[in-house]
Amino acid sequence: MPKIKCSYSIPVLVLKEGNCFVAYSPAIDVSTVGDTFEEAKARFTEAANLFFEEIIEKGKVNEALIELGWQTKNDQLVPPSIISHQAETFSFNNFLQ
């Protein structure tokens, strides 16, 4: 199969969970973990590339991305935008019985 060159820009969140860093993108629903911020980013890049390689090989690019909320604009697929990223406070009453 011939190589396809493409570039994409997607939002990636990096969270610190304990001693680990988690990189996650809701645009492709892929996450990965690393011991450092840099390792999490590098592993995410690898995982994202594998995700795109797989949907290209299966011929399911449009189907997979549209299912994830991507839209077609000017004949290109565009990922959903994150319009807000903030901490929210929630309270639970009678959560445990």
N, C-alpha and C. Protein backbone atom coordinates (compact mmCIF):
# COMPACT_ATOMS: atom_id res chain seq x y z
N MET A 1 0.85 -1.17 0.00
CA MET A 1 0.00 0.00 0.00
C MET A 1 0.90 1.24 0.00
N PRO A 2 0.58 2.24 -0.86
CA PRO A 2 1.41 3.44 -0.89
C PRO A 2 1.27 4.25 0.40
N LYS A 3 2.34 4.94 0.74
CA LYS A 3 2.32 5.78 1.94
C LYS A 3 1.47 7.02 1.68
N ILE A 4 0.70 7.41 2.66
CA ILE A 4 -0.10 8.62 2.59
C ILE A 4 0.47 9.60 3.59
N LYS A 5 0.78 10.80 3.12
CA LYS A 5 1.29 11.83 4.04
C LYS A 5 0.13 12.75 4.40
N CYS A 6 -0.07 12.93 5.67
CA CYS A 6 -1.10 13.86 6.12
C CYS A 6 -0.62 14.52 7.41
N SER A 7 -1.20 15.66 7.67
CA SER A 7 -0.91 16.32 8.94
C SER A 7 -2.24 16.69 9.57
N TYR A 8 -2.25 16.76 10.87
CA TYR A 8 -3.48 17.06 11.58
C TYR A 8 -3.13 17.79 12.87
N SER A 9 -4.08 18.55 13.35
CA SER A 9 -3.92 19.27 14.60
C SER A 9 -5.12 18.94 15.47
N ILE A 10 -4.87 18.31 16.61
CA ILE A 10 -5.95 17.91 17.50
C ILE A 10 -5.64 18.36 18.92
N PRO A 11 -6.67 18.62 19.71
CA PRO A 11 -6.42 18.98 21.10
C PRO A 11 -5.94 17.77 21.90
N VAL A 12 -4.93 17.97 22.72
CA VAL A 12 -4.40 16.91 23.57
C VAL A 12 -4.30 17.46 24.99
N LEU A 13 -4.94 16.77 25.92
CA LEU A 13 -4.88 17.15 27.33
C LEU A 13 -3.84 16.27 28.01
N VAL A 14 -3.05 16.87 28.87
CA VAL A 14 -2.09 16.09 29.67
C VAL A 14 -2.43 16.31 31.13
N LEU A 15 -2.73 15.22 31.82
CA LEU A 15 -3.12 15.26 33.23
C LEU A 15 -2.05 14.58 34.07
N LYS A 16 -1.88 15.05 35.28
CA LYS A 16 -0.98 14.37 36.22
C LYS A 16 -1.83 13.54 37.16
N GLU A 17 -1.60 12.25 37.15
CA GLU A 17 -2.32 11.32 38.03
C GLU A 17 -1.29 10.61 38.89
N GLY A 18 -1.19 11.01 40.14
CA GLY A 18 -0.18 10.43 41.02
C GLY A 18 1.20 10.76 40.48
N ASN A 19 2.00 9.73 40.23
CA ASN A 19 3.35 9.93 39.70
C ASN A 19 3.41 9.84 38.18
N CYS A 20 2.27 9.65 37.54
CA CYS A 20 2.23 9.46 36.09
C CYS A 20 1.59 10.65 35.38
N PHE A 21 1.83 10.73 34.09
CA PHE A 21 1.21 11.72 33.24
C PHE A 21 0.37 11.00 32.20
N VAL A 22 -0.86 11.46 32.01
CA VAL A 22 -1.78 10.86 31.05
C VAL A 22 -2.04 11.87 29.95
N ALA A 23 -1.81 11.47 28.71
CA ALA A 23 -2.12 12.32 27.55
C ALA A 23 -3.37 11.74 26.90
N TYR A 24 -4.35 12.61 26.63
CA TYR A 24 -5.64 12.17 26.08
C TYR A 24 -6.16 13.18 25.08
N SER A 25 -6.71 12.68 23.99
CA SER A 25 -7.38 13.55 23.03
C SER A 25 -8.80 13.06 22.81
N PRO A 26 -9.78 13.90 23.14
CA PRO A 26 -11.17 13.53 22.86
C PRO A 26 -11.46 13.48 21.36
N ALA A 27 -10.63 14.13 20.55
CA ALA A 27 -10.86 14.16 19.11
C ALA A 27 -10.71 12.79 18.47
N ILE A 28 -9.86 11.94 19.07
CA ILE A 28 -9.69 10.58 18.53
C ILE A 28 -9.91 9.52 19.62
N ASP A 29 -10.29 9.96 20.80
CA ASP A 29 -10.55 9.08 21.94
C ASP A 29 -9.38 8.12 22.19
N VAL A 30 -8.19 8.68 22.22
CA VAL A 30 -6.96 7.91 22.46
C VAL A 30 -6.26 8.52 23.67
N SER A 31 -5.75 7.64 24.53
CA SER A 31 -4.97 8.11 25.67
C SER A 31 -3.77 7.21 25.87
N THR A 32 -2.79 7.74 26.56
CA THR A 32 -1.60 6.98 26.89
C THR A 32 -1.00 7.55 28.17
N VAL A 33 -0.05 6.85 28.73
CA VAL A 33 0.52 7.26 30.01
C VAL A 33 2.05 7.21 29.93
N GLY A 34 2.69 8.06 30.71
CA GLY A 34 4.14 8.05 30.78
C GLY A 34 4.60 8.46 32.17
N ASP A 35 5.84 8.14 32.48
CA ASP A 35 6.40 8.52 33.78
C ASP A 35 6.73 10.01 33.84
N THR A 36 6.93 10.62 32.66
CA THR A 36 7.21 12.05 32.59
C THR A 36 6.26 12.69 31.58
N PHE A 37 6.17 14.02 31.63
CA PHE A 37 5.35 14.76 30.67
C PHE A 37 5.81 14.46 29.24
N GLU A 38 7.12 14.50 29.02
CA GLU A 38 7.68 14.26 27.70
C GLU A 38 7.39 12.85 27.21
N GLU A 39 7.50 11.87 28.11
CA GLU A 39 7.23 10.49 27.73
C GLU A 39 5.76 10.31 27.37
N ALA A 40 4.86 10.92 28.12
CA ALA A 40 3.43 10.82 27.81
C ALA A 40 3.15 11.43 26.45
N LYS A 41 3.75 12.59 26.15
CA LYS A 41 3.56 13.23 24.85
C LYS A 41 4.11 12.36 23.72
N ALA A 42 5.30 11.80 23.91
CA ALA A 42 5.90 10.96 22.88
C ALA A 42 5.06 9.71 22.64
N ARG A 43 4.60 9.09 23.70
CA ARG A 43 3.76 7.90 23.56
C ARG A 43 2.43 8.24 22.91
N PHE A 44 1.90 9.44 23.23
CA PHE A 44 0.65 9.84 22.60
C PHE A 44 0.84 10.02 21.10
N THR A 45 1.94 10.63 20.70
CA THR A 45 2.22 10.82 19.27
C THR A 45 2.24 9.47 18.57
N GLU A 46 2.90 8.49 19.17
CA GLU A 46 2.96 7.15 18.59
C GLU A 46 1.56 6.53 18.52
N ALA A 47 0.79 6.63 19.59
CA ALA A 47 -0.56 6.05 19.61
C ALA A 47 -1.47 6.73 18.59
N ALA A 48 -1.37 8.06 18.47
CA ALA A 48 -2.20 8.79 17.51
C ALA A 48 -1.84 8.38 16.08
N ASN A 49 -0.55 8.25 15.80
CA ASN A 49 -0.12 7.82 14.47
C ASN A 49 -0.63 6.42 14.16
N LEU A 50 -0.59 5.52 15.15
CA LEU A 50 -1.12 4.17 14.95
C LEU A 50 -2.62 4.20 14.70
N PHE A 51 -3.34 5.05 15.42
CA PHE A 51 -4.78 5.20 15.22
C PHE A 51 -5.07 5.59 13.77
N PHE A 52 -4.38 6.63 13.28
CA PHE A 52 -4.62 7.08 11.91
C PHE A 52 -4.18 6.04 10.88
N GLU A 53 -3.04 5.38 11.10
CA GLU A 53 -2.59 4.33 10.19
C GLU A 53 -3.65 3.24 10.07
N GLU A 54 -4.22 2.84 11.21
CA GLU A 54 -5.21 1.76 11.21
C GLU A 54 -6.48 2.15 10.46
N ILE A 55 -7.01 3.35 10.71
CA ILE A 55 -8.25 3.71 10.01
C ILE A 55 -8.01 3.95 8.52
N ILE A 56 -6.79 4.37 8.16
CA ILE A 56 -6.45 4.52 6.74
C ILE A 56 -6.37 3.15 6.09
N GLU A 57 -5.65 2.20 6.73
CA GLU A 57 -5.52 0.84 6.18
C GLU A 57 -6.86 0.15 6.02
N LYS A 58 -7.78 0.39 6.95
CA LYS A 58 -9.10 -0.24 6.88
C LYS A 58 -10.06 0.51 5.97
N GLY A 59 -9.64 1.66 5.45
CA GLY A 59 -10.51 2.45 4.58
C GLY A 59 -11.69 3.05 5.33
N LYS A 60 -11.50 3.34 6.61
CA LYS A 60 -12.60 3.82 7.46
C LYS A 60 -12.34 5.22 8.02
N VAL A 61 -11.55 6.03 7.33
CA VAL A 61 -11.19 7.34 7.86
C VAL A 61 -12.43 8.19 8.12
N ASN A 62 -13.23 8.41 7.07
CA ASN A 62 -14.41 9.26 7.24
C ASN A 62 -15.36 8.70 8.29
N GLU A 63 -15.64 7.42 8.20
CA GLU A 63 -16.58 6.78 9.13
C GLU A 63 -16.11 6.93 10.58
N ALA A 64 -14.84 6.62 10.84
CA ALA A 64 -14.32 6.66 12.21
C ALA A 64 -14.30 8.09 12.75
N LEU A 65 -13.84 9.03 11.95
CA LEU A 65 -13.72 10.40 12.45
C LEU A 65 -15.07 11.08 12.61
N ILE A 66 -15.99 10.84 11.71
CA ILE A 66 -17.33 11.42 11.84
C ILE A 66 -18.01 10.86 13.09
N GLU A 67 -17.80 9.57 13.37
CA GLU A 67 -18.36 8.97 14.59
C GLU A 67 -17.79 9.64 15.84
N LEU A 68 -16.58 10.17 15.74
CA LEU A 68 -15.93 10.85 16.87
C LEU A 68 -16.27 12.35 16.91
N GLY A 69 -17.16 12.79 16.04
CA GLY A 69 -17.60 14.18 16.09
C GLY A 69 -16.92 15.12 15.12
N TRP A 70 -16.05 14.59 14.25
CA TRP A 70 -15.41 15.44 13.25
C TRP A 70 -16.45 15.88 12.23
N GLN A 71 -16.22 17.02 11.60
CA GLN A 71 -17.12 17.53 10.58
C GLN A 71 -16.34 17.86 9.31
N THR A 72 -17.04 17.81 8.19
CA THR A 72 -16.43 18.16 6.92
C THR A 72 -16.61 19.66 6.68
N LYS A 73 -15.49 20.35 6.47
CA LYS A 73 -15.51 21.78 6.15
C LYS A 73 -14.51 22.01 5.03
N ASN A 74 -14.98 22.60 3.94
CA ASN A 74 -14.12 22.86 2.77
C ASN A 74 -13.41 21.59 2.31
N ASP A 75 -14.16 20.50 2.24
CA ASP A 75 -13.64 19.20 1.79
C ASP A 75 -12.54 18.63 2.69
N GLN A 76 -12.48 19.08 3.94
CA GLN A 76 -11.53 18.53 4.90
C GLN A 76 -12.26 18.12 6.17
N LEU A 77 -11.77 17.09 6.81
CA LEU A 77 -12.32 16.69 8.11
C LEU A 77 -11.68 17.54 9.20
N VAL A 78 -12.52 18.11 10.06
CA VAL A 78 -12.06 19.00 11.12
C VAL A 78 -12.51 18.43 12.46
N PRO A 79 -11.57 18.29 13.43
CA PRO A 79 -11.95 17.73 14.73
C PRO A 79 -12.82 18.70 15.52
N PRO A 80 -13.59 18.16 16.47
CA PRO A 80 -14.36 19.05 17.33
C PRO A 80 -13.43 19.93 18.15
N SER A 81 -13.88 21.14 18.43
CA SER A 81 -13.08 22.09 19.20
C SER A 81 -13.43 22.01 20.68
N ILE A 82 -12.43 22.16 21.51
CA ILE A 82 -12.67 22.29 22.95
C ILE A 82 -12.96 23.76 23.18
N ILE A 83 -14.16 24.06 23.66
CA ILE A 83 -14.53 25.46 23.84
C ILE A 83 -14.41 25.91 25.29
N SER A 84 -14.24 24.97 26.20
CA SER A 84 -14.08 25.33 27.60
C SER A 84 -13.25 24.26 28.29
N HIS A 85 -12.37 24.71 29.15
CA HIS A 85 -11.56 23.78 29.95
C HIS A 85 -11.35 24.46 31.30
N GLN A 86 -12.13 24.04 32.25
CA GLN A 86 -12.03 24.64 33.58
C GLN A 86 -12.44 23.63 34.63
N ALA A 87 -12.02 23.87 35.84
CA ALA A 87 -12.40 23.00 36.96
C ALA A 87 -13.81 23.34 37.40
N GLU A 88 -14.59 22.35 37.67
CA GLU A 88 -15.96 22.51 38.16
C GLU A 88 -16.06 21.84 39.53
N THR A 89 -16.85 22.39 40.41
CA THR A 89 -17.07 21.82 41.74
C THR A 89 -18.44 21.17 41.77
N PHE A 90 -18.48 19.94 42.26
CA PHE A 90 -19.73 19.20 42.35
C PHE A 90 -19.91 18.71 43.77
N SER A 91 -21.15 18.60 44.20
CA SER A 91 -21.47 18.08 45.53
C SER A 91 -22.40 16.90 45.39
N PHE A 92 -22.23 15.93 46.27
CA PHE A 92 -23.09 14.76 46.28
C PHE A 92 -23.75 14.66 47.65
N ASN A 93 -25.04 14.51 47.67
CA ASN A 93 -25.78 14.30 48.90
C ASN A 93 -26.29 12.87 48.92
N ASN A 94 -26.13 12.21 50.04
CA ASN A 94 -26.60 10.83 50.19
C ASN A 94 -26.02 9.91 49.13
N PHE A 95 -24.75 10.13 48.77
CA PHE A 95 -24.13 9.31 47.74
C PHE A 95 -23.95 7.88 48.23
N LEU A 96 -23.48 7.71 49.45
CA LEU A 96 -23.31 6.38 50.02
C LEU A 96 -24.45 6.10 50.99
N GLN A 97 -24.98 4.93 50.89
CA GLN A 97 -26.10 4.58 51.78
C GLN A 97 -25.71 3.48 52.72
